Amino acid sequence: MLTTERVPVNPSPTVRQRAEAALVAGLLWGLGCLPRRWALRGGMLLARLLSGVLPRLWRVGADNLALAFPDLPERERRRLLRGCITNLGRLLGEFSQFPKLHPGNIHEVVEYEGFEHFTAAQAQGRGVIFFTGHLGAWELSAFAHALYGHPLNILVRPIDNPLVDHLITRWRTASGNRILSKHRDLRALVVRLRRGETVGILADVHVQPQHGMFCPFFGHPACTSPLVARLARRTGATVLPGYLVWDARRGRHRLVFEPPVPLVQTADEAFDIRENTLRLTRCWEAIVRRHPDQWLWIHRRWKSQPQPDLAPATIPNGLNLLSPGNDEC
């Protein structure tokens, strides 16, 4: 049985919401007026300033890196954390430049690597799940892919501030992508995959234990949504790892598509979902290990931990067939 969640609608934005939306709009406009090179530098400078006035973000990142790389010298972990902050600033700068991008100039900003994996998966006609996460300038990955002529459906958690959400959605969809809400569009997600379309899912965030399963991630249990594994089993869609990384040598981004993740399919649905979610988590860990300075270490990925009487990888009893989970960034 498919389920959706109803989200209360705020009919009248508060003063705070209006102020936040004005701040976001002003920031994007200001950076957007700059040449791309200066917009990236401005975004990186702003990210560094924010990390200085918001020490909690730095503490979370430092704790996560110590957990993931306990044998790495502290100086090297600090370098990776500075890279994470720099990457967020670069993402902000690139996002501000979206209105300037079009099919004629996107190749100057983003290049493909492994595009043949995408075309092969698409040719199977069973739908493609663009399995990705918060690596590099992740917002640019789907935007660029659409400008190259391959629009997709992006599954998102709506931003709490509806005015900011509306603004960000307009920018995200300007290249032809379509937004699907985790709260209300899960049925549409299944339908579009069965039509052979592509769906992008950021699947590397913490979910609440009642919606997820604990998978080893960098050697520690991380509560992970089984949504991608469930969707693949339900629809037969190909799960294709894809992500954007910054290539400093070339001064542009690479949109990388890896070969599809080999998934098991047996008569035991629960086993398949557990095993495939574990495989996907291992796949994403390997990707992050290759580009550790471009992943979102300030996200509390290990926020929840399993109860002592639970196995490391379990699916809670009664979990909805396509529960979206409740991811927190």
C-alpha atoms as a PDB file:
ATOM      1  CA  MET A   1       0.000   0.000   0.000  1.00  0.00           C
ATOM      2  CA  LEU A   2       1.392   3.383  -0.995  1.00  0.00           C
ATOM      3  CA  THR A   3       1.260   6.134   1.564  1.00  0.00           C
ATOM      4  CA  THR A   4       1.809   9.844   1.521  1.00  0.00           C
ATOM      5  CA  GLU A   5       2.163  12.383   4.298  1.00  0.00           C
ATOM      6  CA  ARG A   6       0.087  15.487   4.612  1.00  0.00           C
ATOM      7  CA  VAL A   7       1.939  18.643   5.452  1.00  0.00           C
ATOM      8  CA  PRO A   8       0.138  21.538   7.069  1.00  0.00           C
ATOM      9  CA  VAL A   9      -0.116  24.564   4.785  1.00  0.00           C
ATOM     10  CA  ASN A  10       0.719  27.987   6.172  1.00  0.00           C
ATOM     11  CA  PRO A  11      -1.757  30.314   4.437  1.00  0.00           C
ATOM     12  CA  SER A  12      -0.064  33.486   5.589  1.00  0.00           C
ATOM     13  CA  PRO A  13       3.752  33.705   5.744  1.00  0.00           C
ATOM     14  CA  THR A  14       5.117  35.145   8.942  1.00  0.00           C
ATOM     15  CA  VAL A  15       7.326  38.217   9.159  1.00  0.00           C
ATOM     16  CA  ARG A  16      10.302  35.966   9.801  1.00  0.00           C
ATOM     17  CA  GLN A  17       9.552  33.873   6.711  1.00  0.00           C
ATOM     18  CA  ARG A  18       9.270  36.996   4.581  1.00  0.00           C
ATOM     19  CA  ALA A  19      12.562  38.309   5.964  1.00  0.00           C
ATOM     20  CA  GLU A  20      14.312  34.983   5.295  1.00  0.00           C
ATOM     21  CA  ALA A  21      12.982  34.879   1.748  1.00  0.00           C
ATOM     22  CA  ALA A  22      14.091  38.450   1.118  1.00  0.00           C
ATOM     23  CA  LEU A  23      17.570  37.625   2.433  1.00  0.00           C
ATOM     24  CA  VAL A  24      17.883  34.541   0.208  1.00  0.00           C
ATOM     25  CA  ALA A  25      16.565  36.400  -2.848  1.00  0.00           C
ATOM     26  CA  GLY A  26      18.921  39.331  -2.218  1.00  0.00           C
ATOM     27  CA  LEU A  27      21.906  37.031  -1.755  1.00  0.00           C
ATOM     28  CA  LEU A  28      21.206  35.127  -4.973  1.00  0.00           C
ATOM     29  CA  TRP A  29      20.596  38.346  -6.867  1.00  0.00           C
ATOM     30  CA  GLY A  30      23.795  39.932  -5.550  1.00  0.00           C
ATOM     31  CA  LEU A  31      25.986  36.948  -6.402  1.00  0.00           C
ATOM     32  CA  GLY A  32      24.120  36.457  -9.659  1.00  0.00           C
ATOM     33  CA  CYS A  33      25.079  39.949 -10.818  1.00  0.00           C
ATOM     34  CA  LEU A  34      28.754  39.031 -10.564  1.00  0.00           C
ATOM     35  CA  PRO A  35      30.780  37.205 -13.202  1.00  0.00           C
ATOM     36  CA  ARG A  36      30.845  33.488 -12.424  1.00  0.00           C
ATOM     37  CA  ARG A  37      34.446  33.529 -11.193  1.00  0.00           C
ATOM     38  CA  TRP A  38      33.691  36.253  -8.670  1.00  0.00           C
ATOM     39  CA  ALA A  39      30.376  34.687  -7.678  1.00  0.00           C
ATOM     40  CA  LEU A  40      32.215  31.485  -6.737  1.00  0.00           C
ATOM     41  CA  ARG A  41      34.777  33.438  -4.746  1.00  0.00           C
ATOM     42  CA  GLY A  42      32.026  35.416  -3.034  1.00  0.00           C
ATOM     43  CA  GLY A  43      30.128  32.252  -2.156  1.00  0.00           C
ATOM     44  CA  MET A  44      33.244  30.620  -0.724  1.00  0.00           C
ATOM     45  CA  LEU A  45      34.080  33.716   1.317  1.00  0.00           C
ATOM     46  CA  LEU A  46      30.554  33.847   2.695  1.00  0.00           C
ATOM     47  CA  ALA A  47      30.677  30.129   3.604  1.00  0.00           C
ATOM     48  CA  ARG A  48      33.919  30.625   5.497  1.00  0.00           C
ATOM     49  CA  LEU A  49      32.474  33.596   7.372  1.00  0.00           C
ATOM     50  CA  LEU A  50      29.354  31.636   8.320  1.00  0.00           C
ATOM     51  CA  SER A  51      31.430  28.697   9.551  1.00  0.00           C
ATOM     52  CA  GLY A  52      33.235  31.146  11.808  1.00  0.00           C
ATOM     53  CA  VAL A  53      30.093  32.609  13.364  1.00  0.00           C
ATOM     54  CA  LEU A  54      28.295  29.247  13.542  1.00  0.00           C
ATOM     55  CA  PRO A  55      30.788  27.095  15.485  1.00  0.00           C
ATOM     56  CA  ARG A  56      28.236  24.290  15.824  1.00  0.00           C
ATOM     57  CA  LEU A  57      28.655  23.474  12.133  1.00  0.00           C
ATOM     58  CA  TRP A  58      32.414  23.218  12.560  1.00  0.00           C
ATOM     59  CA  ARG A  59      32.000  20.982  15.639  1.00  0.00           C
ATOM     60  CA  VAL A  60      29.609  18.634  13.835  1.00  0.00           C
ATOM     61  CA  GLY A  61      31.962  18.387  10.880  1.00  0.00           C
ATOM     62  CA  ALA A  62      34.999  17.791  13.092  1.00  0.00           C
ATOM     63  CA  ASP A  63      33.174  15.078  15.061  1.00  0.00           C
ATOM     64  CA  ASN A  64      31.991  13.355  11.892  1.00  0.00           C
ATOM     65  CA  LEU A  65      35.457  13.345  10.360  1.00  0.00           C
ATOM     66  CA  ALA A  66      36.981  11.970  13.565  1.00  0.00           C
ATOM     67  CA  LEU A  67      34.367   9.211  13.460  1.00  0.00           C
ATOM     68  CA  ALA A  68      34.945   8.393   9.790  1.00  0.00           C
ATOM     69  CA  PHE A  69      38.753   8.785   9.719  1.00  0.00           C
ATOM     70  CA  PRO A  70      40.016   8.067  13.254  1.00  0.00           C
ATOM     71  CA  ASP A  71      43.532   7.291  12.008  1.00  0.00           C
ATOM     72  CA  LEU A  72      43.856  10.454   9.963  1.00  0.00           C
ATOM     73  CA  PRO A  73      45.987  13.227  11.521  1.00  0.00           C
ATOM     74  CA  GLU A  74      43.892  16.054  12.917  1.00  0.00           C
ATOM     75  CA  ARG A  75      45.580  18.505  10.575  1.00  0.00           C
ATOM     76  CA  GLU A  76      44.392  16.475   7.584  1.00  0.00           C
ATOM     77  CA  ARG A  77      40.855  16.260   8.979  1.00  0.00           C
ATOM     78  CA  ARG A  78      40.823  20.044   9.353  1.00  0.00           C
ATOM     79  CA  ARG A  79      41.871  20.318   5.708  1.00  0.00           C
ATOM     80  CA  LEU A  80      38.958  18.104   4.654  1.00  0.00           C
ATOM     81  CA  LEU A  81      36.545  20.169   6.724  1.00  0.00           C
ATOM     82  CA  ARG A  82      37.803  23.391   5.160  1.00  0.00           C
ATOM     83  CA  GLY A  83      37.265  21.723   1.785  1.00  0.00           C
ATOM     84  CA  CYS A  84      33.685  20.911   2.781  1.00  0.00           C
ATOM     85  CA  ILE A  85      33.023  24.545   3.705  1.00  0.00           C
ATOM     86  CA  THR A  86      34.672  25.748   0.486  1.00  0.00           C
ATOM     87  CA  ASN A  87      32.545  23.323  -1.503  1.00  0.00           C
ATOM     88  CA  LEU A  88      29.340  24.721   0.045  1.00  0.00           C
ATOM     89  CA  GLY A  89      30.402  28.221  -0.942  1.00  0.00           C
ATOM     90  CA  ARG A  90      31.150  27.062  -4.473  1.00  0.00           C
ATOM     91  CA  LEU A  91      27.694  25.470  -4.601  1.00  0.00           C
ATOM     92  CA  LEU A  92      26.104  28.763  -3.557  1.00  0.00           C
ATOM     93  CA  GLY A  93      28.043  30.659  -6.198  1.00  0.00           C
ATOM     94  CA  GLU A  94      27.091  28.206  -8.936  1.00  0.00           C
ATOM     95  CA  PHE A  95      23.429  28.256  -7.898  1.00  0.00           C
ATOM     96  CA  SER A  96      23.372  32.035  -8.227  1.00  0.00           C
ATOM     97  CA  GLN A  97      24.527  31.680 -11.844  1.00  0.00           C
ATOM     98  CA  PHE A  98      21.710  29.351 -12.950  1.00  0.00           C
ATOM     99  CA  PRO A  99      19.835  32.085 -14.890  1.00  0.00           C
ATOM    100  CA  LYS A 100      22.929  32.598 -17.064  1.00  0.00           C
ATOM    101  CA  LEU A 101      23.264  28.935 -18.045  1.00  0.00           C
ATOM    102  CA  HIS A 102      21.762  27.537 -21.234  1.00  0.00           C
ATOM    103  CA  PRO A 103      22.383  24.611 -23.631  1.00  0.00           C
ATOM    104  CA  GLY A 104      24.939  26.672 -25.547  1.00  0.00           C
ATOM    105  CA  ASN A 105      27.303  27.312 -22.626  1.00  0.00           C
ATOM    106  CA  ILE A 106      26.731  24.509 -20.105  1.00  0.00           C
ATOM    107  CA  HIS A 107      29.734  22.602 -21.506  1.00  0.00           C
ATOM    108  CA  GLU A 108      31.942  25.429 -20.210  1.00  0.00           C
ATOM    109  CA  VAL A 109      30.848  24.633 -16.650  1.00  0.00           C
ATOM    110  CA  VAL A 110      30.021  20.902 -16.578  1.00  0.00           C
ATOM    111  CA  GLU A 111      31.500  17.976 -18.492  1.00  0.00           C
ATOM    112  CA  TYR A 112      30.243  14.388 -18.566  1.00  0.00           C
ATOM    113  CA  GLU A 113      32.189  11.340 -17.490  1.00  0.00           C
ATOM    114  CA  GLY A 114      30.674   7.901 -18.010  1.00  0.00           C
ATOM    115  CA  PHE A 115      27.660   9.216 -19.907  1.00  0.00           C
ATOM    116  CA  GLU A 116      27.430   5.879 -21.713  1.00  0.00           C
ATOM    117  CA  HIS A 117      26.227   4.306 -18.458  1.00  0.00           C
ATOM    118  CA  PHE A 118      23.256   6.658 -18.429  1.00  0.00           C
ATOM    119  CA  THR A 119      22.313   6.044 -22.055  1.00  0.00           C
ATOM    120  CA  ALA A 120      22.578   2.271 -21.587  1.00  0.00           C
ATOM    121  CA  ALA A 121      20.351   2.394 -18.500  1.00  0.00           C
ATOM    122  CA  GLN A 122      17.840   4.657 -20.220  1.00  0.00           C
ATOM    123  CA  ALA A 123      17.688   2.347 -23.257  1.00  0.00           C
ATOM    124  CA  GLN A 124      16.329  -0.452 -21.083  1.00  0.00           C
ATOM    125  CA  GLY A 125      13.082   1.514 -20.799  1.00  0.00           C
ATOM    126  CA  ARG A 126      12.371   0.630 -17.175  1.00  0.00           C
ATOM    127  CA  GLY A 127      13.183   3.996 -15.684  1.00  0.00           C
ATOM    128  CA  VAL A 128      16.423   5.236 -14.126  1.00  0.00           C
ATOM    129  CA  ILE A 129      17.014   6.180 -10.505  1.00  0.00           C
ATOM    130  CA  PHE A 130      19.780   8.778 -10.420  1.00  0.00           C
ATOM    131  CA  PHE A 131      21.282   7.670  -7.079  1.00  0.00           C
ATOM    132  CA  THR A 132      23.181  10.638  -5.692  1.00  0.00           C
ATOM    133  CA  GLY A 133      23.972  12.639  -2.579  1.00  0.00           C
ATOM    134  CA  HIS A 134      25.299  15.875  -1.142  1.00  0.00           C
ATOM    135  CA  LEU A 135      28.624  15.830  -2.948  1.00  0.00           C
ATOM    136  CA  GLY A 136      30.171  18.663  -4.924  1.00  0.00           C
ATOM    137  CA  ALA A 137      27.734  21.240  -6.293  1.00  0.00           C
ATOM    138  CA  TRP A 138      24.857  18.766  -6.188  1.00  0.00           C
ATOM    139  CA  GLU A 139      22.221  21.306  -7.230  1.00  0.00           C
ATOM    140  CA  LEU A 140      24.135  21.896 -10.454  1.00  0.00           C
ATOM    141  CA  SER A 141      24.205  18.203 -11.406  1.00  0.00           C
ATOM    142  CA  ALA A 142      20.494  17.885 -12.211  1.00  0.00           C
ATOM    143  CA  PHE A 143      20.331  21.416 -13.643  1.00  0.00           C
ATOM    144  CA  ALA A 144      23.179  20.702 -16.076  1.00  0.00           C
ATOM    145  CA  HIS A 145      21.823  17.271 -17.011  1.00  0.00           C
ATOM    146  CA  ALA A 146      18.539  18.927 -18.063  1.00  0.00           C
ATOM    147  CA  LEU A 147      20.331  21.590 -20.106  1.00  0.00           C
ATOM    148  CA  TYR A 148      22.141  18.800 -21.917  1.00  0.00           C
ATOM    149  CA  GLY A 149      18.696  17.570 -22.968  1.00  0.00           C
ATOM    150  CA  HIS A 150      17.872  15.061 -20.204  1.00  0.00           C
ATOM    151  CA  PRO A 151      15.385  16.613 -17.751  1.00  0.00           C
ATOM    152  CA  LEU A 152      14.532  14.514 -14.739  1.00  0.00           C
ATOM    153  CA  ASN A 153      12.213  14.346 -11.768  1.00  0.00           C
ATOM    154  CA  ILE A 154      13.881  15.427  -8.529  1.00  0.00           C
ATOM    155  CA  LEU A 155      12.559  14.069  -5.243  1.00  0.00           C
ATOM    156  CA  VAL A 156      12.987  16.695  -2.524  1.00  0.00           C
ATOM    157  CA  ARG A 157      11.986  17.483   1.006  1.00  0.00           C
ATOM    158  CA  PRO A 158      10.191  20.851   0.792  1.00  0.00           C
ATOM    159  CA  ILE A 159      11.979  23.697   2.564  1.00  0.00           C
ATOM    160  CA  ASP A 160      10.177  24.656   5.781  1.00  0.00           C
ATOM    161  CA  ASN A 161       9.822  28.283   4.706  1.00  0.00           C
ATOM    162  CA  PRO A 162       7.260  28.158   1.841  1.00  0.00           C
ATOM    163  CA  LEU A 163       8.484  31.429   0.330  1.00  0.00           C
ATOM    164  CA  VAL A 164      12.080  30.195   0.159  1.00  0.00           C
ATOM    165  CA  ASP A 165      10.837  26.838  -1.110  1.00  0.00           C
ATOM    166  CA  HIS A 166       8.929  28.549  -3.935  1.00  0.00           C
ATOM    167  CA  LEU A 167      11.989  30.617  -4.851  1.00  0.00           C
ATOM    168  CA  ILE A 168      14.403  27.673  -4.859  1.00  0.00           C
ATOM    169  CA  THR A 169      11.934  25.521  -6.809  1.00  0.00           C
ATOM    170  CA  ARG A 170      11.723  28.160  -9.567  1.00  0.00           C
ATOM    171  CA  TRP A 171      15.497  28.155  -9.907  1.00  0.00           C
ATOM    172  CA  ARG A 172      15.766  24.366  -9.773  1.00  0.00           C
ATOM    173  CA  THR A 173      13.176  23.881 -12.519  1.00  0.00           C
ATOM    174  CA  ALA A 174      14.396  26.622 -14.859  1.00  0.00           C
ATOM    175  CA  SER A 175      16.295  24.080 -16.974  1.00  0.00           C
ATOM    176  CA  GLY A 176      13.284  21.801 -17.426  1.00  0.00           C
ATOM    177  CA  ASN A 177      13.460  19.561 -14.370  1.00  0.00           C
ATOM    178  CA  ARG A 178      10.354  18.647 -12.384  1.00  0.00           C
ATOM    179  CA  ILE A 179      10.134  18.667  -8.597  1.00  0.00           C
ATOM    180  CA  LEU A 180       8.426  15.876  -6.654  1.00  0.00           C
ATOM    181  CA  SER A 181       7.697  16.260  -2.948  1.00  0.00           C
ATOM    182  CA  LYS A 182       8.566  13.483  -0.530  1.00  0.00           C
ATOM    183  CA  HIS A 183       5.379  14.348   1.310  1.00  0.00           C
ATOM    184  CA  ARG A 184       2.796  14.047  -1.435  1.00  0.00           C
ATOM    185  CA  ASP A 185       4.197  12.802  -4.762  1.00  0.00           C
ATOM    186  CA  LEU A 186       5.302   9.221  -4.133  1.00  0.00           C
ATOM    187  CA  ARG A 187       2.594   7.759  -6.340  1.00  0.00           C
ATOM    188  CA  ALA A 188       3.668  10.081  -9.159  1.00  0.00           C
ATOM    189  CA  LEU A 189       7.240   8.943  -8.599  1.00  0.00           C
ATOM    190  CA  VAL A 190       6.311   5.311  -9.254  1.00  0.00           C
ATOM    191  CA  VAL A 191       4.221   6.237 -12.294  1.00  0.00           C
ATOM    192  CA  ARG A 192       7.037   8.229 -13.870  1.00  0.00           C
ATOM    193  CA  LEU A 193       9.586   5.492 -13.333  1.00  0.00           C
ATOM    194  CA  ARG A 194       7.234   2.993 -14.952  1.00  0.00           C
ATOM    195  CA  ARG A 195       6.975   5.360 -17.924  1.00  0.00           C
ATOM    196  CA  GLY A 196      10.729   5.063 -18.341  1.00  0.00           C
ATOM    197  CA  GLU A 197      11.604   8.486 -16.903  1.00  0.00           C
ATOM    198  CA  THR A 198      14.547   9.401 -14.687  1.00  0.00           C
ATOM    199  CA  VAL A 199      14.213  10.276 -11.008  1.00  0.00           C
ATOM    200  CA  GLY A 200      16.975  11.893  -8.958  1.00  0.00           C
ATOM    201  CA  ILE A 201      17.161  11.002  -5.253  1.00  0.00           C
ATOM    202  CA  LEU A 202      19.609  12.415  -2.699  1.00  0.00           C
ATOM    203  CA  ALA A 203      19.940   9.299  -0.569  1.00  0.00           C
ATOM    204  CA  ASP A 204      22.826  10.044   1.804  1.00  0.00           C
ATOM    205  CA  VAL A 205      21.049  11.785   4.692  1.00  0.00           C
ATOM    206  CA  HIS A 206      19.972  10.702   8.152  1.00  0.00           C
ATOM    207  CA  VAL A 207      16.395   9.497   8.525  1.00  0.00           C
ATOM    208  CA  GLN A 208      14.459   8.845  11.694  1.00  0.00           C
ATOM    209  CA  PRO A 209      14.757   5.227  12.897  1.00  0.00           C
ATOM    210  CA  GLN A 210      11.064   4.462  12.378  1.00  0.00           C
ATOM    211  CA  HIS A 211      11.521   5.217   8.673  1.00  0.00           C
ATOM    212  CA  GLY A 212      14.902   3.650   8.014  1.00  0.00           C
ATOM    213  CA  MET A 213      17.389   0.891   8.624  1.00  0.00           C
ATOM    214  CA  PHE A 214      20.844   1.032  10.132  1.00  0.00           C
ATOM    215  CA  CYS A 215      23.647   0.434   7.646  1.00  0.00           C
ATOM    216  CA  PRO A 216      27.393   0.582   8.266  1.00  0.00           C
ATOM    217  CA  PHE A 217      28.728   3.845   6.864  1.00  0.00           C
ATOM    218  CA  PHE A 218      32.420   4.482   7.425  1.00  0.00           C
ATOM    219  CA  GLY A 219      32.299   1.662   9.966  1.00  0.00           C
ATOM    220  CA  HIS A 220      29.471   3.089  12.086  1.00  0.00           C
ATOM    221  CA  PRO A 221      25.683   2.496  11.964  1.00  0.00           C
ATOM    222  CA  ALA A 222      23.863   5.242  10.062  1.00  0.00           C
ATOM    223  CA  CYS A 223      20.075   5.289   9.782  1.00  0.00           C
ATOM    224  CA  THR A 224      19.384   5.077   6.056  1.00  0.00           C
ATOM    225  CA  SER A 225      16.232   5.289   3.969  1.00  0.00           C
ATOM    226  CA  PRO A 226      15.434   2.076   2.040  1.00  0.00           C
ATOM    227  CA  LEU A 227      13.400   4.091  -0.481  1.00  0.00           C
ATOM    228  CA  VAL A 228      15.766   3.618  -3.435  1.00  0.00           C
ATOM    229  CA  ALA A 229      15.913  -0.149  -2.921  1.00  0.00           C
ATOM    230  CA  ARG A 230      12.128  -0.349  -2.561  1.00  0.00           C
ATOM    231  CA  LEU A 231      11.527   1.729  -5.688  1.00  0.00           C
ATOM    232  CA  ALA A 232      13.958  -0.348  -7.732  1.00  0.00           C
ATOM    233  CA  ARG A 233      12.285  -3.589  -6.651  1.00  0.00           C
ATOM    234  CA  ARG A 234       8.796  -2.240  -7.239  1.00  0.00           C
ATOM    235  CA  THR A 235       9.416  -0.725 -10.683  1.00  0.00           C
ATOM    236  CA  GLY A 236      12.436  -2.586 -12.077  1.00  0.00           C
ATOM    237  CA  ALA A 237      14.237   0.730 -12.552  1.00  0.00           C
ATOM    238  CA  THR A 238      18.012   0.776 -12.957  1.00  0.00           C
ATOM    239  CA  VAL A 239      19.882   2.390 -10.050  1.00  0.00           C
ATOM    240  CA  LEU A 240      22.681   4.501 -11.486  1.00  0.00           C
ATOM    241  CA  PRO A 241      25.173   6.265  -9.191  1.00  0.00           C
ATOM    242  CA  GLY A 242      25.688   9.814 -10.404  1.00  0.00           C
ATOM    243  CA  TYR A 243      27.377  12.797  -8.813  1.00  0.00           C
ATOM    244  CA  LEU A 244      29.095  16.093  -9.585  1.00  0.00           C
ATOM    245  CA  VAL A 245      32.680  16.766  -8.532  1.00  0.00           C
ATOM    246  CA  TRP A 246      34.812  19.866  -8.883  1.00  0.00           C
ATOM    247  CA  ASP A 247      37.896  19.395 -11.042  1.00  0.00           C
ATOM    248  CA  ALA A 248      40.271  22.112  -9.853  1.00  0.00           C
ATOM    249  CA  ARG A 249      42.826  21.348 -12.575  1.00  0.00           C
ATOM    250  CA  ARG A 250      40.318  21.995 -15.367  1.00  0.00           C
ATOM    251  CA  GLY A 251      38.379  24.648 -13.483  1.00  0.00           C
ATOM    252  CA  ARG A 252      35.019  23.003 -14.102  1.00  0.00           C
ATOM    253  CA  HIS A 253      32.762  20.252 -12.802  1.00  0.00           C
ATOM    254  CA  ARG A 254      32.517  16.630 -13.908  1.00  0.00           C
ATOM    255  CA  LEU A 255      29.100  14.963 -13.924  1.00  0.00           C
ATOM    256  CA  VAL A 256      30.076  11.348 -13.315  1.00  0.00           C
ATOM    257  CA  PHE A 257      27.872   8.342 -14.051  1.00  0.00           C
ATOM    258  CA  GLU A 258      29.116   5.016 -12.722  1.00  0.00           C
ATOM    259  CA  PRO A 259      27.928   1.558 -13.826  1.00  0.00           C
ATOM    260  CA  PRO A 260      24.566   0.495 -12.337  1.00  0.00           C
ATOM    261  CA  VAL A 261      24.614  -0.968  -8.848  1.00  0.00           C
ATOM    262  CA  PRO A 262      23.990  -4.730  -9.113  1.00  0.00           C
ATOM    263  CA  LEU A 263      20.905  -5.460  -7.028  1.00  0.00           C
ATOM    264  CA  VAL A 264      19.549  -8.774  -5.793  1.00  0.00           C
ATOM    265  CA  GLN A 265      15.982  -9.861  -6.456  1.00  0.00           C
ATOM    266  CA  THR A 266      14.641 -12.938  -4.723  1.00  0.00           C
ATOM    267  CA  ALA A 267      11.254 -14.077  -3.482  1.00  0.00           C
ATOM    268  CA  ASP A 268      12.019 -12.476  -0.106  1.00  0.00           C
ATOM    269  CA  GLU A 269      11.186  -8.776  -0.383  1.00  0.00           C
ATOM    270  CA  ALA A 270      12.510  -7.850   3.067  1.00  0.00           C
ATOM    271  CA  PHE A 271      15.838  -9.544   2.352  1.00  0.00           C
ATOM    272  CA  ASP A 272      16.163  -7.793  -1.000  1.00  0.00           C
ATOM    273  CA  ILE A 273      15.511  -4.370   0.492  1.00  0.00           C
ATOM    274  CA  ARG A 274      17.975  -4.905   3.334  1.00  0.00           C
ATOM    275  CA  GLU A 275      20.705  -6.284   1.084  1.00  0.00           C
ATOM    276  CA  ASN A 276      20.272  -3.677  -1.643  1.00  0.00           C
ATOM    277  CA  THR A 277      20.210  -0.768   0.803  1.00  0.00           C
ATOM    278  CA  LEU A 278      23.461  -2.092   2.267  1.00  0.00           C
ATOM    279  CA  ARG A 279      24.951  -2.317  -1.228  1.00  0.00           C
ATOM    280  CA  LEU A 280      23.890   1.223  -2.080  1.00  0.00           C
ATOM    281  CA  THR A 281      25.326   2.555   1.171  1.00  0.00           C
ATOM    282  CA  ARG A 282      28.639   0.832   0.483  1.00  0.00           C
ATOM    283  CA  CYS A 283      28.619   2.301  -3.018  1.00  0.00           C
ATOM    284  CA  TRP A 284      28.088   5.825  -1.718  1.00  0.00           C
ATOM    285  CA  GLU A 285      30.784   5.425   0.932  1.00  0.00           C
ATOM    286  CA  ALA A 286      33.259   4.451  -1.776  1.00  0.00           C
ATOM    287  CA  ILE A 287      32.339   7.579  -3.737  1.00  0.00           C
ATOM    288  CA  VAL A 288      32.765   9.831  -0.698  1.00  0.00           C
ATOM    289  CA  ARG A 289      36.128   8.235   0.068  1.00  0.00           C
ATOM    290  CA  ARG A 290      37.322   9.249  -3.398  1.00  0.00           C
ATOM    291  CA  HIS A 291      36.229  12.877  -2.861  1.00  0.00           C
ATOM    292  CA  PRO A 292      36.175  13.400   0.933  1.00  0.00           C
ATOM    293  CA  ASP A 293      36.722  17.154   0.763  1.00  0.00           C
ATOM    294  CA  GLN A 294      33.533  17.647  -1.284  1.00  0.00           C
ATOM    295  CA  TRP A 295      31.001  15.809   0.899  1.00  0.00           C
ATOM    296  CA  LEU A 296      28.624  17.415   3.423  1.00  0.00           C
ATOM    297  CA  TRP A 297      30.405  16.548   6.663  1.00  0.00           C
ATOM    298  CA  ILE A 298      28.430  19.154   8.616  1.00  0.00           C
ATOM    299  CA  HIS A 299      25.293  16.980   8.262  1.00  0.00           C
ATOM    300  CA  ARG A 300      24.559  14.828  11.340  1.00  0.00           C
ATOM    301  CA  ARG A 301      24.642  11.555   9.416  1.00  0.00           C
ATOM    302  CA  TRP A 302      25.147   9.414  12.542  1.00  0.00           C
ATOM    303  CA  LYS A 303      22.600  11.287  14.671  1.00  0.00           C
ATOM    304  CA  SER A 304      20.583   8.165  15.571  1.00  0.00           C
ATOM    305  CA  GLN A 305      22.089   4.927  16.786  1.00  0.00           C
ATOM    306  CA  PRO A 306      20.455   1.490  16.979  1.00  0.00           C
ATOM    307  CA  GLN A 307      19.076   0.125  20.194  1.00  0.00           C
ATOM    308  CA  PRO A 308      21.342  -2.508  21.777  1.00  0.00           C
ATOM    309  CA  ASP A 309      18.882  -5.295  20.959  1.00  0.00           C
ATOM    310  CA  LEU A 310      18.662  -4.442  17.237  1.00  0.00           C
ATOM    311  CA  ALA A 311      20.844  -5.905  14.515  1.00  0.00           C
ATOM    312  CA  PRO A 312      23.110  -3.485  12.607  1.00  0.00           C
ATOM    313  CA  ALA A 313      20.845  -3.610   9.543  1.00  0.00           C
ATOM    314  CA  THR A 314      17.153  -3.931  10.280  1.00  0.00           C
ATOM    315  CA  ILE A 315      13.958  -2.687   8.717  1.00  0.00           C
ATOM    316  CA  PRO A 316      11.402  -1.684  11.345  1.00  0.00           C
ATOM    317  CA  ASN A 317       8.271  -3.801  11.378  1.00  0.00           C
ATOM    318  CA  GLY A 318       5.379  -2.177   9.621  1.00  0.00           C
ATOM    319  CA  LEU A 319       7.506   0.238   7.578  1.00  0.00           C
ATOM    320  CA  ASN A 320       5.380   1.678   4.792  1.00  0.00           C
ATOM    321  CA  LEU A 321       6.046   0.298   1.331  1.00  0.00           C
ATOM    322  CA  LEU A 322       7.333   3.615   0.044  1.00  0.00           C
ATOM    323  CA  SER A 323       7.828   5.666   3.173  1.00  0.00           C
ATOM    324  CA  PRO A 324       9.713   8.851   2.291  1.00  0.00           C
ATOM    325  CA  GLY A 325      11.345   8.985   5.687  1.00  0.00           C
ATOM    326  CA  ASN A 326      12.066  12.237   7.462  1.00  0.00           C
ATOM    327  CA  ASP A 327      15.491  13.326   6.420  1.00  0.00           C
ATOM    328  CA  GLU A 328      17.235  16.040   8.343  1.00  0.00           C
ATOM    329  CA  CYS A 329      20.030  18.226   7.041  1.00  0.00           C
END
